Amino acid sequence: MVDTKSSIYWQLSGVYWFYFAVLGALIPFVGLYLEALGFNTAEIGELIAVIMATKIIAPNMWGWLVDRGSNRLLIIRLGALLSVLFFTGIFLSHHYWWLFIVFLAFSFFWNAILPQFEALTLNHLGDDHHRYSLIRLWGSIGFIVTVVVLGWLFNHISIENLPWFIFFLLSGIFFSMFFVKDKNSSHHHLEHEPLRKLLCKQEIVALFVVCFLVQVSHGPYYSFFSIYAAENHYSNSYIGFLWAVGVMSEVVAFTLLPKWIEKFGLRKLLLFSLLTGTLRWIVIAYFIDVPWLLTINQIFHASTFGIYHVVVIALVHQYFVGRNQGMGQSLYSSLSFGLGGAVGSLYAGYTWELSGPVTTYMVAAIVSILGFAVSYKYLKCKG
């Protein structure tokens, strides 16, 4: 069992803190940053989609290397270093195609880190993998601290300073990696099914389809929620507060999830998260100008991301064992946050230009309920 006082707990938690602190700087503010540079919503959607799209290839490429004998921790550290180095290109030019290249290069290595670190964390946890959420919650705390501090700062300084904060946090990922020790999977000696055979199983196909749809539905939220709120006269500090409310609710969910999983099971929790996702996007579509309702609506992030993510991590860990473990986490990242996130950002940018935000978020609601239908009919799991 992982003792919260043990060194490995804090070593792992520190990496999650910095990794999701980077997300706390990117997701709420990069759209506003790009808008301040003069880009339109279609261009903003395209640039954010680049960051998402590298998750399609990078995690699988690095997962393939690790599953064939490469040192997992060395791969993670190399990815952290190269993400910092390539991100420095953002200080050289603000031209669209230059930023396209910078986002492509830095995110290729940054996005390769998390799936392998997830696998490393689960290896450290061993049979106590249900306690994953107690470590992962520190990533959410990192996100909250960053989004609140930057939201306040950008009321006093230009948001064009955003890249400096991202550079500092990316460097934090790299340095925190040197406090973590490697841990090989205890399952590598066991027989396991060929990956091709696993990917033909109905429940695994259904899981990845649902993951793809969930991230497509989140596209307008991750890319344009801050812009939508700013257009409705919310200050940067209140926008940061709204993001923080969502992630604080996620932290609460992480602390309670070990008990919830035991009580309700993985399948029921996943179905619940998909239903609340549909409701969440409808509220944003039609009630963006009602501060109290929008704030309450952010609590649903506990289910649309917190519950969803922990359940999927548990399912991937259940379905993929042995040498397939790292590849399973990589596939989850690439097909959901990568392909799904890229499609979500692109469609959001284009529909926003053509039909406006209400239509964009209603499409998200429809996609979420479609994910519920697929999950309800096809997804089977233990627990």
Protein backbone atom coordinates (compact mmCIF):
# COMPACT_ATOMS: atom_id res chain seq x y z
CA MET A 1 0.00 0.00 0.00
CA VAL A 2 1.23 3.49 -0.84
CA ASP A 3 1.90 5.46 2.32
CA THR A 4 1.19 9.15 1.72
CA LYS A 5 4.25 9.89 3.87
CA SER A 6 6.57 7.77 1.75
CA SER A 7 9.11 9.39 -0.53
CA ILE A 8 7.80 7.72 -3.69
CA TYR A 9 4.33 9.18 -3.11
CA TRP A 10 5.72 12.71 -3.11
CA GLN A 11 8.13 12.01 -5.96
CA LEU A 12 5.31 10.87 -8.22
CA SER A 13 2.96 13.59 -7.00
CA GLY A 14 5.53 16.30 -7.76
CA VAL A 15 5.74 15.33 -11.41
CA TYR A 16 1.95 15.34 -11.71
CA TRP A 17 1.89 18.79 -10.07
CA PHE A 18 4.15 20.35 -12.67
CA TYR A 19 2.68 18.48 -15.64
CA PHE A 20 -0.87 19.63 -14.96
CA ALA A 21 0.32 23.08 -13.91
CA VAL A 22 1.45 23.39 -17.54
CA LEU A 23 -2.10 22.47 -18.56
CA GLY A 24 -3.36 25.10 -16.11
CA ALA A 25 -1.37 27.69 -18.04
CA LEU A 26 -2.16 26.34 -21.52
CA ILE A 27 -5.82 25.35 -21.58
CA PRO A 28 -7.50 28.39 -19.98
CA PHE A 29 -5.16 31.03 -21.38
CA VAL A 30 -3.57 29.96 -24.67
CA GLY A 31 -6.73 30.85 -26.59
CA LEU A 32 -6.76 34.32 -25.02
CA TYR A 33 -3.02 34.62 -25.70
CA LEU A 34 -3.45 33.76 -29.38
CA GLU A 35 -6.44 36.11 -29.63
CA ALA A 36 -4.26 38.90 -28.17
CA LEU A 37 -1.73 38.19 -30.94
CA GLY A 38 -4.48 38.83 -33.51
CA PHE A 39 -5.48 35.33 -34.61
CA ASN A 40 -9.11 34.52 -35.47
CA THR A 41 -11.07 31.61 -33.95
CA ALA A 42 -10.39 29.25 -36.86
CA GLU A 43 -6.62 29.85 -36.57
CA ILE A 44 -6.78 29.48 -32.79
CA GLY A 45 -8.62 26.17 -33.20
CA GLU A 46 -5.99 24.98 -35.66
CA LEU A 47 -3.04 25.89 -33.42
CA ILE A 48 -4.60 24.25 -30.37
CA ALA A 49 -5.45 21.22 -32.50
CA VAL A 50 -1.73 20.86 -33.31
CA ILE A 51 -0.97 20.39 -29.62
CA MET A 52 -3.72 17.77 -29.39
CA ALA A 53 -2.80 16.05 -32.65
CA THR A 54 0.76 15.21 -31.59
CA LYS A 55 -0.81 12.95 -28.95
CA ILE A 56 -1.91 10.68 -31.80
CA ILE A 57 1.64 9.70 -32.77
CA ALA A 58 4.04 10.60 -29.95
CA PRO A 59 2.65 8.39 -27.13
CA ASN A 60 2.43 5.36 -29.42
CA MET A 61 5.94 5.82 -30.77
CA TRP A 62 7.40 6.11 -27.28
CA GLY A 63 5.17 3.34 -25.96
CA TRP A 64 6.53 1.09 -28.71
CA LEU A 65 10.11 1.91 -27.66
CA VAL A 66 9.45 1.21 -23.99
CA ASP A 67 7.56 -2.02 -24.60
CA ARG A 68 10.54 -3.28 -26.59
CA GLY A 69 13.06 -2.81 -23.85
CA SER A 70 13.93 0.90 -23.71
CA ASN A 71 14.28 2.42 -20.26
CA ARG A 72 10.93 4.03 -19.43
CA LEU A 73 12.28 6.66 -17.03
CA LEU A 74 15.04 7.66 -19.44
CA ILE A 75 12.46 8.11 -22.21
CA ILE A 76 10.32 10.28 -19.91
CA ARG A 77 13.27 12.48 -18.91
CA LEU A 78 14.35 12.90 -22.54
CA GLY A 79 10.82 13.94 -23.51
CA ALA A 80 10.74 16.50 -20.70
CA LEU A 81 14.08 18.00 -21.75
CA LEU A 82 13.21 18.26 -25.45
CA SER A 83 9.81 19.79 -24.72
CA VAL A 84 11.55 22.62 -22.83
CA LEU A 85 14.14 23.17 -25.56
CA PHE A 86 11.65 23.31 -28.42
CA PHE A 87 9.23 25.54 -26.52
CA THR A 88 11.87 28.29 -26.36
CA GLY A 89 11.16 28.86 -30.06
CA ILE A 90 8.01 30.73 -29.08
CA PHE A 91 10.15 33.68 -27.99
CA LEU A 92 11.58 34.14 -31.50
CA SER A 93 8.47 34.90 -33.59
CA HIS A 94 4.67 35.17 -33.44
CA HIS A 95 4.05 34.32 -37.09
CA TYR A 96 1.29 31.72 -37.57
CA TRP A 97 3.45 29.08 -39.26
CA TRP A 98 6.33 29.57 -36.84
CA LEU A 99 3.97 29.05 -33.89
CA PHE A 100 2.54 26.03 -35.73
CA ILE A 101 6.04 24.50 -35.86
CA VAL A 102 6.84 25.39 -32.23
CA PHE A 103 3.55 23.91 -30.96
CA LEU A 104 4.12 20.82 -33.08
CA ALA A 105 7.69 20.27 -31.86
CA PHE A 106 7.33 20.96 -28.14
CA SER A 107 4.03 19.11 -27.76
CA PHE A 108 5.35 16.04 -29.59
CA PHE A 109 7.74 15.41 -26.71
CA TRP A 110 5.58 16.84 -23.92
CA ASN A 111 2.65 14.61 -24.90
CA ALA A 112 4.89 11.54 -24.89
CA ILE A 113 5.61 11.97 -21.17
CA LEU A 114 2.28 11.36 -19.47
CA PRO A 115 1.24 7.89 -20.75
CA GLN A 116 4.60 6.41 -19.78
CA PHE A 117 4.54 8.18 -16.43
CA GLU A 118 1.04 6.81 -15.82
CA ALA A 119 2.39 3.31 -16.47
CA LEU A 120 5.37 3.99 -14.16
CA THR A 121 3.02 5.20 -11.42
CA LEU A 122 0.81 2.12 -11.71
CA ASN A 123 3.89 -0.10 -11.54
CA HIS A 124 4.88 1.58 -8.27
CA LEU A 125 1.36 1.10 -6.92
CA GLY A 126 1.22 -2.59 -7.82
CA ASP A 127 -1.93 -4.17 -6.41
CA ASP A 128 -2.94 -0.83 -4.86
CA HIS A 129 -3.72 0.71 -8.26
CA HIS A 130 -7.08 1.90 -6.89
CA ARG A 131 -5.05 4.49 -4.93
CA TYR A 132 -3.89 6.09 -8.18
CA SER A 133 -6.38 8.93 -7.73
CA LEU A 134 -4.73 9.99 -4.44
CA ILE A 135 -1.50 10.66 -6.33
CA ARG A 136 -3.13 12.09 -9.45
CA LEU A 137 -5.04 14.67 -7.40
CA TRP A 138 -1.78 16.60 -6.96
CA GLY A 139 -1.85 17.25 -10.69
CA SER A 140 -5.24 18.86 -10.22
CA ILE A 141 -3.88 20.96 -7.34
CA GLY A 142 -1.07 22.14 -9.62
CA PHE A 143 -3.67 23.09 -12.23
CA ILE A 144 -5.73 25.02 -9.65
CA VAL A 145 -2.78 26.98 -8.25
CA THR A 146 -1.60 27.92 -11.74
CA VAL A 147 -4.98 28.95 -13.12
CA VAL A 148 -5.86 31.07 -10.08
CA VAL A 149 -2.47 32.81 -9.89
CA LEU A 150 -2.28 33.47 -13.63
CA GLY A 151 -5.91 34.59 -13.75
CA TRP A 152 -5.10 37.23 -11.14
CA LEU A 153 -1.78 38.19 -12.74
CA PHE A 154 -3.27 38.70 -16.19
CA ASN A 155 -5.55 41.36 -14.76
CA HIS A 156 -2.39 43.34 -14.01
CA ILE A 157 0.09 42.31 -16.73
CA SER A 158 -0.28 41.49 -20.41
CA ILE A 159 -1.33 37.96 -21.29
CA GLU A 160 1.45 38.04 -23.88
CA ASN A 161 3.74 37.10 -20.95
CA LEU A 162 2.11 33.65 -20.83
CA PRO A 163 4.99 31.79 -22.58
CA TRP A 164 7.41 32.67 -19.76
CA PHE A 165 5.21 30.93 -17.18
CA ILE A 166 4.81 27.88 -19.41
CA PHE A 167 8.59 27.71 -19.89
CA PHE A 168 9.15 27.77 -16.12
CA LEU A 169 6.59 24.99 -15.52
CA LEU A 170 7.94 22.81 -18.33
CA SER A 171 11.37 23.14 -16.73
CA GLY A 172 9.78 22.04 -13.44
CA ILE A 173 8.64 18.79 -15.07
CA PHE A 174 12.18 18.07 -16.24
CA PHE A 175 13.85 18.71 -12.88
CA SER A 176 11.18 16.87 -10.84
CA MET A 177 11.79 13.75 -12.96
CA PHE A 178 15.22 13.33 -11.35
CA PHE A 179 13.64 12.64 -7.96
CA VAL A 180 11.70 9.66 -9.34
CA LYS A 181 13.09 6.14 -9.37
CA ASP A 182 12.33 3.58 -12.07
CA LYS A 183 10.03 0.65 -11.41
CA ASN A 184 9.60 -2.24 -13.80
CA SER A 185 6.21 -3.86 -14.19
CA SER A 186 5.70 -6.93 -12.06
CA HIS A 187 3.52 -8.34 -14.86
CA HIS A 188 6.12 -8.50 -17.61
CA HIS A 189 6.85 -12.15 -16.90
CA LEU A 190 3.23 -13.16 -17.39
CA GLU A 191 1.76 -14.38 -20.65
CA HIS A 192 -0.25 -11.77 -22.45
CA GLU A 193 -2.38 -11.60 -25.57
CA PRO A 194 -0.95 -10.11 -28.78
CA LEU A 195 -1.87 -6.45 -29.14
CA ARG A 196 -3.62 -7.07 -32.47
CA LYS A 197 -5.91 -9.61 -30.83
CA LEU A 198 -6.70 -7.25 -27.95
CA LEU A 199 -7.73 -4.50 -30.35
CA CYS A 200 -10.33 -6.82 -31.90
CA LYS A 201 -12.21 -7.22 -28.63
CA GLN A 202 -15.59 -5.48 -28.48
CA GLU A 203 -15.12 -3.95 -25.03
CA ILE A 204 -11.71 -2.48 -25.93
CA VAL A 205 -12.95 -1.03 -29.22
CA ALA A 206 -15.98 0.41 -27.40
CA LEU A 207 -13.76 1.92 -24.70
CA PHE A 208 -11.56 3.74 -27.21
CA VAL A 209 -14.56 4.95 -29.23
CA VAL A 210 -16.07 6.38 -26.05
CA CYS A 211 -12.75 8.02 -25.12
CA PHE A 212 -12.55 9.60 -28.58
CA LEU A 213 -16.11 10.96 -28.33
CA VAL A 214 -15.55 12.33 -24.82
CA GLN A 215 -12.58 14.40 -25.96
CA VAL A 216 -14.35 15.58 -29.12
CA SER A 217 -17.13 16.88 -26.88
CA HIS A 218 -14.57 18.70 -24.71
CA GLY A 219 -13.08 20.51 -27.74
CA PRO A 220 -15.13 23.73 -27.37
CA TYR A 221 -14.47 23.80 -23.64
CA TYR A 222 -10.70 23.43 -23.77
CA SER A 223 -10.27 25.73 -26.79
CA PHE A 224 -12.88 28.45 -26.41
CA PHE A 225 -14.49 28.49 -22.95
CA SER A 226 -12.21 31.31 -21.78
CA ILE A 227 -12.84 33.30 -24.96
CA TYR A 228 -16.60 32.74 -24.67
CA ALA A 229 -16.55 33.88 -21.03
CA ALA A 230 -14.44 36.95 -21.88
CA GLU A 231 -16.89 37.89 -24.65
CA ASN A 232 -19.60 37.84 -21.99
CA HIS A 233 -17.65 40.32 -19.83
CA TYR A 234 -16.04 37.97 -17.30
CA SER A 235 -12.66 39.20 -16.04
CA ASN A 236 -9.49 37.12 -16.37
CA SER A 237 -9.49 36.51 -12.62
CA TYR A 238 -13.09 35.23 -12.69
CA ILE A 239 -12.32 33.06 -15.70
CA GLY A 240 -9.42 31.61 -13.73
CA PHE A 241 -11.78 31.10 -10.79
CA LEU A 242 -14.25 29.20 -13.00
CA TRP A 243 -11.50 26.86 -14.19
CA ALA A 244 -10.35 26.43 -10.59
CA VAL A 245 -13.86 25.51 -9.42
CA GLY A 246 -13.94 22.76 -12.03
CA VAL A 247 -10.60 21.32 -11.02
CA MET A 248 -11.27 21.68 -7.28
CA SER A 249 -14.36 19.53 -7.77
CA GLU A 250 -12.12 17.08 -9.62
CA VAL A 251 -9.80 16.93 -6.59
CA VAL A 252 -12.75 16.07 -4.34
CA ALA A 253 -13.74 13.33 -6.76
CA PHE A 254 -10.21 11.91 -6.75
CA THR A 255 -10.24 11.61 -2.96
CA LEU A 256 -13.60 9.83 -2.97
CA LEU A 257 -13.18 7.64 -6.04
CA PRO A 258 -11.60 4.60 -4.29
CA LYS A 259 -14.83 4.28 -2.27
CA TRP A 260 -17.09 5.13 -5.22
CA ILE A 261 -15.47 2.51 -7.43
CA GLU A 262 -15.98 -0.10 -4.74
CA LYS A 263 -19.62 0.93 -4.23
CA PHE A 264 -20.86 1.68 -7.76
CA GLY A 265 -18.40 -0.05 -10.10
CA LEU A 266 -16.53 1.30 -13.10
CA ARG A 267 -19.32 0.99 -15.68
CA LYS A 268 -21.96 2.95 -13.73
CA LEU A 269 -19.50 5.72 -12.93
CA LEU A 270 -18.53 6.04 -16.61
CA LEU A 271 -22.18 6.24 -17.69
CA PHE A 272 -22.82 8.92 -15.07
CA SER A 273 -19.88 11.00 -16.29
CA LEU A 274 -21.16 10.91 -19.88
CA LEU A 275 -24.66 12.00 -18.90
CA THR A 276 -23.38 14.92 -16.85
CA GLY A 277 -21.16 15.92 -19.77
CA THR A 278 -24.24 16.37 -21.94
CA LEU A 279 -25.90 18.55 -19.32
CA ARG A 280 -22.73 20.56 -18.79
CA TRP A 281 -22.38 21.58 -22.45
CA ILE A 282 -26.07 22.55 -22.69
CA VAL A 283 -25.71 24.86 -19.69
CA ILE A 284 -22.62 26.55 -21.18
CA ALA A 285 -24.41 26.95 -24.53
CA TYR A 286 -27.46 28.74 -23.18
CA PHE A 287 -26.52 30.17 -19.76
CA ILE A 288 -23.01 31.59 -20.22
CA ASP A 289 -24.34 34.97 -19.02
CA VAL A 290 -25.62 33.62 -15.68
CA PRO A 291 -22.57 33.68 -13.36
CA TRP A 292 -24.02 31.66 -10.46
CA LEU A 293 -25.33 28.90 -12.74
CA LEU A 294 -22.11 28.80 -14.77
CA THR A 295 -20.11 28.48 -11.54
CA ILE A 296 -22.25 25.59 -10.28
CA ASN A 297 -22.03 23.96 -13.69
CA GLN A 298 -18.23 23.84 -13.35
CA ILE A 299 -18.65 21.30 -10.53
CA PHE A 300 -19.59 18.76 -13.21
CA HIS A 301 -15.89 18.69 -14.12
CA ALA A 302 -15.64 16.25 -11.21
CA SER A 303 -17.47 13.72 -13.36
CA THR A 304 -16.74 14.75 -16.95
CA PHE A 305 -13.00 14.56 -16.32
CA GLY A 306 -12.22 13.34 -12.77
CA ILE A 307 -14.45 10.27 -12.66
CA TYR A 308 -14.06 9.60 -16.38
CA HIS A 309 -10.25 9.68 -16.33
CA VAL A 310 -9.76 7.46 -13.28
CA VAL A 311 -12.30 4.93 -14.56
CA VAL A 312 -10.63 4.76 -17.98
CA ILE A 313 -7.14 4.46 -16.46
CA ALA A 314 -8.47 1.51 -14.38
CA LEU A 315 -10.06 -0.10 -17.45
CA VAL A 316 -6.91 0.26 -19.54
CA HIS A 317 -4.92 -1.25 -16.68
CA GLN A 318 -7.47 -4.09 -16.57
CA TYR A 319 -7.45 -4.76 -20.33
CA PHE A 320 -3.72 -4.31 -21.07
CA VAL A 321 -1.16 -6.32 -19.09
CA GLY A 322 2.45 -7.42 -19.50
CA ARG A 323 4.42 -5.71 -22.26
CA ASN A 324 1.17 -4.22 -23.59
CA GLN A 325 0.77 -2.03 -20.50
CA GLY A 326 2.65 1.01 -21.81
CA MET A 327 1.04 0.70 -25.24
CA GLY A 328 -2.42 0.56 -23.67
CA GLN A 329 -1.84 3.87 -21.89
CA SER A 330 -0.39 5.33 -25.10
CA LEU A 331 -3.42 4.28 -27.14
CA TYR A 332 -5.73 5.85 -24.59
CA SER A 333 -3.81 9.12 -24.78
CA SER A 334 -3.51 9.18 -28.57
CA LEU A 335 -7.06 8.16 -29.50
CA SER A 336 -8.76 10.34 -26.87
CA PHE A 337 -6.69 13.40 -25.96
CA GLY A 338 -4.86 13.22 -29.31
CA LEU A 339 -7.28 12.37 -32.10
CA GLY A 340 -10.41 13.28 -30.14
CA GLY A 341 -8.91 16.50 -28.83
CA ALA A 342 -7.67 17.56 -32.28
CA VAL A 343 -11.03 16.85 -33.94
CA GLY A 344 -12.80 18.65 -31.09
CA SER A 345 -10.62 21.77 -31.39
CA LEU A 346 -10.92 21.87 -35.18
CA TYR A 347 -14.69 21.44 -35.34
CA ALA A 348 -15.11 23.97 -32.52
CA GLY A 349 -13.05 26.57 -34.36
CA TYR A 350 -14.90 26.13 -37.65
CA THR A 351 -18.44 25.88 -36.24
CA TRP A 352 -17.75 28.87 -34.00
CA GLU A 353 -16.92 30.91 -37.10
CA LEU A 354 -19.91 29.63 -39.11
CA SER A 355 -22.72 29.22 -36.56
CA GLY A 356 -21.56 30.63 -33.23
CA PRO A 357 -20.95 29.21 -29.75
CA VAL A 358 -24.45 27.88 -29.02
CA THR A 359 -24.37 25.52 -31.99
CA THR A 360 -20.81 24.51 -31.14
CA TYR A 361 -21.67 23.49 -27.57
CA MET A 362 -24.88 21.74 -28.64
CA VAL A 363 -22.84 19.57 -31.00
CA ALA A 364 -20.65 18.75 -27.98
CA ALA A 365 -23.75 17.72 -26.02
CA ILE A 366 -24.89 15.42 -28.83
CA VAL A 367 -21.43 13.83 -29.07
CA SER A 368 -21.44 13.21 -25.31
CA ILE A 369 -24.81 11.45 -25.37
CA LEU A 370 -23.58 9.36 -28.31
CA GLY A 371 -20.67 8.27 -26.10
CA PHE A 372 -23.18 7.30 -23.42
CA ALA A 373 -25.09 5.14 -25.93
CA VAL A 374 -21.95 3.33 -27.10
CA SER A 375 -20.83 2.75 -23.52
CA TYR A 376 -24.24 1.51 -22.39
CA LYS A 377 -24.59 -1.01 -25.23
CA TYR A 378 -21.08 -2.30 -25.78
CA LEU A 379 -18.80 -1.63 -22.81
CA LYS A 380 -18.38 -4.50 -20.36
CA CYS A 381 -15.94 -4.55 -17.50
CA LYS A 382 -15.17 -6.06 -14.13
CA GLY A 383 -16.62 -3.95 -11.36
